[in-house]
Structure formats: structure tokens, C-alpha cells
């Protein structure tokens, strides 16, 4: 499993956050929201596959980013404990 950060910005008058949350849970084996529109997760899929899966629930003007997380990271005041964050490496 590979750890990832998924970040998104839904545009327009009626953003469908629930569909994005549901899709992230569906396509990953672990996910935790760490900021308003940022999730830490792990998946057996490649970043491009996660991107393609997410495209099925966003509108053409929406933006998102999928980045592989390496071992060296630092946080400050996020809504996640070190133990929760480290689950992506288990």
C-alpha cells in the first residue's frame, strides 16, 4: 500500500462534497481528513488511478491533487494524531 495526500477544491454553486468523501473512502483502504479539503490515505492504486477514479464524481471546473507521501513529514495543529497519521505506513 502506498500513502497519499488527496487535496481538492470544489468549484461552482453546488459542490458535492459527500460524493467526494464517499469516493475517497471507496478507493482507499484507509483515509482520514486532516484539513478541510485534504485527506491522508493509503491505497494499492497508483496516483493516476486515484485521479481517474475521483474524476467520476467531480465537475469539470473542480480541482484536485494526489501526491505520494514519503517518510519525512511534519505537521502543526492538524486534526490528526501522530498515531493516526502513521497508520498510512502500516
N, C-alpha and C. Protein backbone atom coordinates (compact mmCIF):
# COMPACT_ATOMS: atom_id res chain seq x y z
N UNK A 1 0.84 -1.18 0.00
CA UNK A 1 0.00 0.00 0.00
C UNK A 1 0.89 1.25 0.00
N UNK A 2 0.43 2.23 -0.71
CA UNK A 2 1.16 3.48 -0.84
C UNK A 2 0.39 4.60 -0.13
N UNK A 3 1.08 5.43 0.65
CA UNK A 3 0.41 6.55 1.31
C UNK A 3 0.30 7.75 0.36
N UNK A 4 -0.84 8.45 0.44
CA UNK A 4 -1.10 9.60 -0.41
C UNK A 4 -1.75 10.73 0.38
N UNK A 5 -1.58 11.93 -0.14
CA UNK A 5 -2.38 13.09 0.23
C UNK A 5 -3.31 13.37 -0.95
N UNK A 6 -4.58 13.52 -0.67
CA UNK A 6 -5.54 13.95 -1.68
C UNK A 6 -6.10 15.29 -1.22
N UNK A 7 -5.95 16.30 -2.06
CA UNK A 7 -6.47 17.63 -1.77
C UNK A 7 -7.39 18.04 -2.91
N UNK A 8 -8.43 18.80 -2.61
CA UNK A 8 -9.37 19.18 -3.65
C UNK A 8 -9.96 20.55 -3.36
N UNK A 9 -10.46 21.18 -4.41
CA UNK A 9 -11.17 22.45 -4.32
C UNK A 9 -12.36 22.33 -5.26
N UNK A 10 -13.55 22.20 -4.69
CA UNK A 10 -14.75 22.06 -5.49
C UNK A 10 -15.31 23.44 -5.81
N UNK A 11 -15.54 23.68 -7.07
CA UNK A 11 -15.98 25.00 -7.55
C UNK A 11 -17.48 24.99 -7.81
N UNK A 12 -18.02 26.14 -8.16
CA UNK A 12 -19.41 26.22 -8.56
C UNK A 12 -20.37 26.48 -7.42
N UNK A 13 -21.64 26.56 -7.77
CA UNK A 13 -22.69 26.92 -6.82
C UNK A 13 -23.13 25.77 -5.92
N UNK A 14 -22.97 24.55 -6.37
CA UNK A 14 -23.50 23.40 -5.62
C UNK A 14 -22.45 22.29 -5.53
N UNK A 15 -21.36 22.51 -4.77
CA UNK A 15 -20.32 21.47 -4.68
C UNK A 15 -20.84 20.23 -3.96
N UNK A 16 -20.49 19.06 -4.46
CA UNK A 16 -20.98 17.79 -3.91
C UNK A 16 -19.88 17.13 -3.08
N UNK A 17 -19.68 17.65 -1.89
CA UNK A 17 -18.62 17.13 -1.01
C UNK A 17 -18.85 15.68 -0.62
N UNK A 18 -20.12 15.31 -0.37
CA UNK A 18 -20.41 13.94 0.07
C UNK A 18 -19.97 12.90 -0.96
N UNK A 19 -20.14 13.20 -2.23
CA UNK A 19 -19.70 12.27 -3.27
C UNK A 19 -18.19 12.11 -3.27
N UNK A 20 -17.48 13.21 -3.05
CA UNK A 20 -16.01 13.14 -2.99
C UNK A 20 -15.57 12.34 -1.77
N UNK A 21 -16.16 12.63 -0.61
CA UNK A 21 -15.80 11.87 0.60
C UNK A 21 -16.06 10.38 0.41
N UNK A 22 -17.22 10.06 -0.14
CA UNK A 22 -17.56 8.66 -0.36
C UNK A 22 -16.62 7.98 -1.33
N UNK A 23 -16.23 8.69 -2.40
CA UNK A 23 -15.32 8.10 -3.39
C UNK A 23 -13.95 7.88 -2.77
N UNK A 24 -13.47 8.83 -1.97
CA UNK A 24 -12.16 8.66 -1.31
C UNK A 24 -12.19 7.44 -0.41
N UNK A 25 -13.26 7.26 0.35
CA UNK A 25 -13.37 6.07 1.21
C UNK A 25 -13.44 4.79 0.38
N UNK A 26 -14.11 4.84 -0.75
CA UNK A 26 -14.27 3.67 -1.60
C UNK A 26 -12.95 3.23 -2.25
N UNK A 27 -12.13 4.18 -2.68
CA UNK A 27 -10.93 3.85 -3.47
C UNK A 27 -9.66 3.72 -2.63
N UNK A 28 -9.78 3.90 -1.31
CA UNK A 28 -8.61 3.76 -0.44
C UNK A 28 -8.91 2.75 0.66
N UNK A 29 -7.85 2.21 1.25
CA UNK A 29 -8.04 1.26 2.34
C UNK A 29 -8.07 1.96 3.70
N UNK A 30 -7.56 3.18 3.77
CA UNK A 30 -7.58 4.00 4.98
C UNK A 30 -7.63 5.44 4.53
N UNK A 31 -8.49 6.25 5.15
CA UNK A 31 -8.48 7.68 4.85
C UNK A 31 -8.87 8.45 6.10
N UNK A 32 -8.28 9.62 6.24
CA UNK A 32 -8.55 10.50 7.38
C UNK A 32 -8.44 11.94 6.90
N UNK A 33 -9.47 12.72 7.13
CA UNK A 33 -9.41 14.13 6.75
C UNK A 33 -8.51 14.85 7.75
N UNK A 34 -7.52 15.57 7.23
CA UNK A 34 -6.57 16.26 8.10
C UNK A 34 -6.71 17.78 8.03
N UNK A 35 -7.39 18.27 7.02
CA UNK A 35 -7.77 19.67 6.90
C UNK A 35 -9.08 19.72 6.14
N UNK A 36 -9.65 20.88 5.99
CA UNK A 36 -10.96 21.00 5.35
C UNK A 36 -11.13 20.19 4.09
N UNK A 37 -10.21 20.32 3.16
CA UNK A 37 -10.30 19.62 1.88
C UNK A 37 -9.06 18.79 1.59
N UNK A 38 -8.48 18.23 2.64
CA UNK A 38 -7.25 17.45 2.50
C UNK A 38 -7.38 16.15 3.28
N UNK A 39 -7.12 15.03 2.59
CA UNK A 39 -7.14 13.71 3.23
C UNK A 39 -5.77 13.08 3.16
N UNK A 40 -5.42 12.32 4.19
CA UNK A 40 -4.27 11.41 4.15
C UNK A 40 -4.90 10.02 3.97
N UNK A 41 -4.32 9.22 3.11
CA UNK A 41 -4.91 7.91 2.85
C UNK A 41 -3.85 6.93 2.36
N UNK A 42 -4.24 5.68 2.22
CA UNK A 42 -3.36 4.70 1.60
C UNK A 42 -4.17 3.85 0.65
N UNK A 43 -3.47 3.41 -0.40
CA UNK A 43 -4.15 2.67 -1.46
C UNK A 43 -3.14 1.80 -2.19
N UNK A 44 -3.63 0.75 -2.79
CA UNK A 44 -2.79 -0.08 -3.65
C UNK A 44 -2.74 0.47 -5.08
N UNK A 45 -3.51 1.51 -5.33
CA UNK A 45 -3.57 2.10 -6.66
C UNK A 45 -2.45 3.12 -6.87
N UNK A 46 -2.16 3.41 -8.13
CA UNK A 46 -1.23 4.47 -8.50
C UNK A 46 -1.95 5.82 -8.35
N UNK A 47 -1.18 6.89 -8.24
CA UNK A 47 -1.76 8.22 -8.12
C UNK A 47 -2.67 8.54 -9.31
N UNK A 48 -2.24 8.16 -10.51
CA UNK A 48 -3.06 8.43 -11.70
C UNK A 48 -4.38 7.66 -11.67
N UNK A 49 -4.39 6.46 -11.10
CA UNK A 49 -5.64 5.70 -10.98
C UNK A 49 -6.58 6.36 -9.98
N UNK A 50 -6.03 6.85 -8.87
CA UNK A 50 -6.86 7.56 -7.90
C UNK A 50 -7.44 8.82 -8.54
N UNK A 51 -6.61 9.54 -9.29
CA UNK A 51 -7.08 10.73 -10.01
C UNK A 51 -8.24 10.37 -10.93
N UNK A 52 -8.08 9.33 -11.70
CA UNK A 52 -9.13 8.94 -12.65
C UNK A 52 -10.41 8.53 -11.93
N UNK A 53 -10.27 7.82 -10.81
CA UNK A 53 -11.45 7.44 -10.02
C UNK A 53 -12.18 8.67 -9.50
N UNK A 54 -11.43 9.66 -9.02
CA UNK A 54 -12.03 10.88 -8.48
C UNK A 54 -12.73 11.70 -9.56
N UNK A 55 -12.23 11.61 -10.78
CA UNK A 55 -12.84 12.37 -11.88
C UNK A 55 -14.30 11.97 -12.11
N UNK A 56 -14.67 10.77 -11.66
CA UNK A 56 -16.05 10.31 -11.87
C UNK A 56 -17.05 11.03 -10.97
N UNK A 57 -16.60 11.75 -9.93
CA UNK A 57 -17.53 12.40 -9.00
C UNK A 57 -17.34 13.92 -8.91
N UNK A 58 -16.42 14.48 -9.69
CA UNK A 58 -16.23 15.93 -9.65
C UNK A 58 -16.70 16.56 -10.96
N UNK A 59 -16.91 17.86 -10.91
CA UNK A 59 -17.33 18.60 -12.09
C UNK A 59 -16.10 19.07 -12.86
N UNK A 60 -16.29 19.49 -14.08
CA UNK A 60 -15.17 19.85 -14.96
C UNK A 60 -14.32 20.99 -14.40
N UNK A 61 -14.88 21.90 -13.62
CA UNK A 61 -14.11 23.02 -13.08
C UNK A 61 -13.47 22.74 -11.73
N UNK A 62 -13.77 21.58 -11.12
CA UNK A 62 -13.20 21.25 -9.82
C UNK A 62 -11.72 20.91 -9.95
N UNK A 63 -11.00 21.08 -8.86
CA UNK A 63 -9.56 20.81 -8.86
C UNK A 63 -9.22 19.80 -7.77
N UNK A 64 -8.27 18.92 -8.05
CA UNK A 64 -7.77 18.04 -7.00
C UNK A 64 -6.34 17.62 -7.32
N UNK A 65 -5.69 17.13 -6.29
CA UNK A 65 -4.28 16.80 -6.34
C UNK A 65 -4.07 15.51 -5.57
N UNK A 66 -3.30 14.58 -6.13
CA UNK A 66 -2.96 13.32 -5.47
C UNK A 66 -1.44 13.24 -5.42
N UNK A 67 -0.87 13.16 -4.20
CA UNK A 67 0.58 13.16 -4.02
C UNK A 67 0.98 11.98 -3.13
N UNK A 68 2.00 11.24 -3.54
CA UNK A 68 2.53 10.18 -2.70
C UNK A 68 3.28 10.79 -1.52
N UNK A 69 3.06 10.23 -0.33
CA UNK A 69 3.70 10.72 0.89
C UNK A 69 4.92 9.85 1.19
N UNK A 70 6.04 10.48 1.41
CA UNK A 70 7.26 9.76 1.80
C UNK A 70 7.40 9.80 3.32
N UNK A 71 8.45 9.22 3.84
CA UNK A 71 8.63 9.09 5.28
C UNK A 71 8.87 10.41 6.01
N UNK A 72 9.40 11.39 5.37
CA UNK A 72 9.77 12.63 6.06
C UNK A 72 8.65 13.66 5.91
N UNK A 73 8.03 14.01 7.03
CA UNK A 73 6.92 14.94 7.00
C UNK A 73 6.86 15.66 8.35
N UNK A 74 6.16 16.75 8.37
CA UNK A 74 5.95 17.49 9.62
C UNK A 74 4.57 18.14 9.55
N UNK A 75 3.92 18.28 10.70
CA UNK A 75 2.61 18.92 10.75
C UNK A 75 2.56 19.88 11.93
N UNK A 76 1.54 20.70 11.91
CA UNK A 76 1.29 21.60 13.04
C UNK A 76 -0.21 21.85 13.12
N UNK A 77 -0.79 21.53 14.27
CA UNK A 77 -2.19 21.81 14.55
C UNK A 77 -3.18 21.20 13.56
N UNK A 78 -2.89 20.03 13.05
CA UNK A 78 -3.85 19.34 12.18
C UNK A 78 -4.82 18.53 13.03
N UNK A 79 -5.94 18.09 12.41
CA UNK A 79 -6.91 17.29 13.13
C UNK A 79 -6.57 15.81 13.05
N UNK A 80 -5.33 15.47 13.29
CA UNK A 80 -4.90 14.08 13.22
C UNK A 80 -3.75 13.89 14.21
N UNK A 81 -3.78 12.75 14.90
CA UNK A 81 -2.69 12.45 15.82
C UNK A 81 -1.54 11.80 15.05
N UNK A 82 -0.40 11.78 15.66
CA UNK A 82 0.75 11.11 15.04
C UNK A 82 0.43 9.64 14.80
N UNK A 83 -0.28 9.01 15.72
CA UNK A 83 -0.65 7.60 15.58
C UNK A 83 -1.59 7.40 14.38
N UNK A 84 -2.56 8.29 14.21
CA UNK A 84 -3.46 8.19 13.06
C UNK A 84 -2.71 8.40 11.76
N UNK A 85 -1.83 9.38 11.76
CA UNK A 85 -1.04 9.64 10.55
C UNK A 85 -0.17 8.44 10.20
N UNK A 86 0.43 7.82 11.20
CA UNK A 86 1.32 6.69 10.96
C UNK A 86 0.61 5.44 10.47
N UNK A 87 -0.72 5.39 10.54
CA UNK A 87 -1.47 4.25 10.01
C UNK A 87 -1.25 4.09 8.50
N UNK A 88 -0.88 5.16 7.82
CA UNK A 88 -0.65 5.04 6.38
C UNK A 88 0.59 4.21 6.07
N UNK A 89 1.44 4.01 7.07
CA UNK A 89 2.66 3.22 6.86
C UNK A 89 2.50 1.77 7.33
N UNK A 90 1.37 1.43 7.92
CA UNK A 90 1.16 0.06 8.42
C UNK A 90 0.77 -0.88 7.30
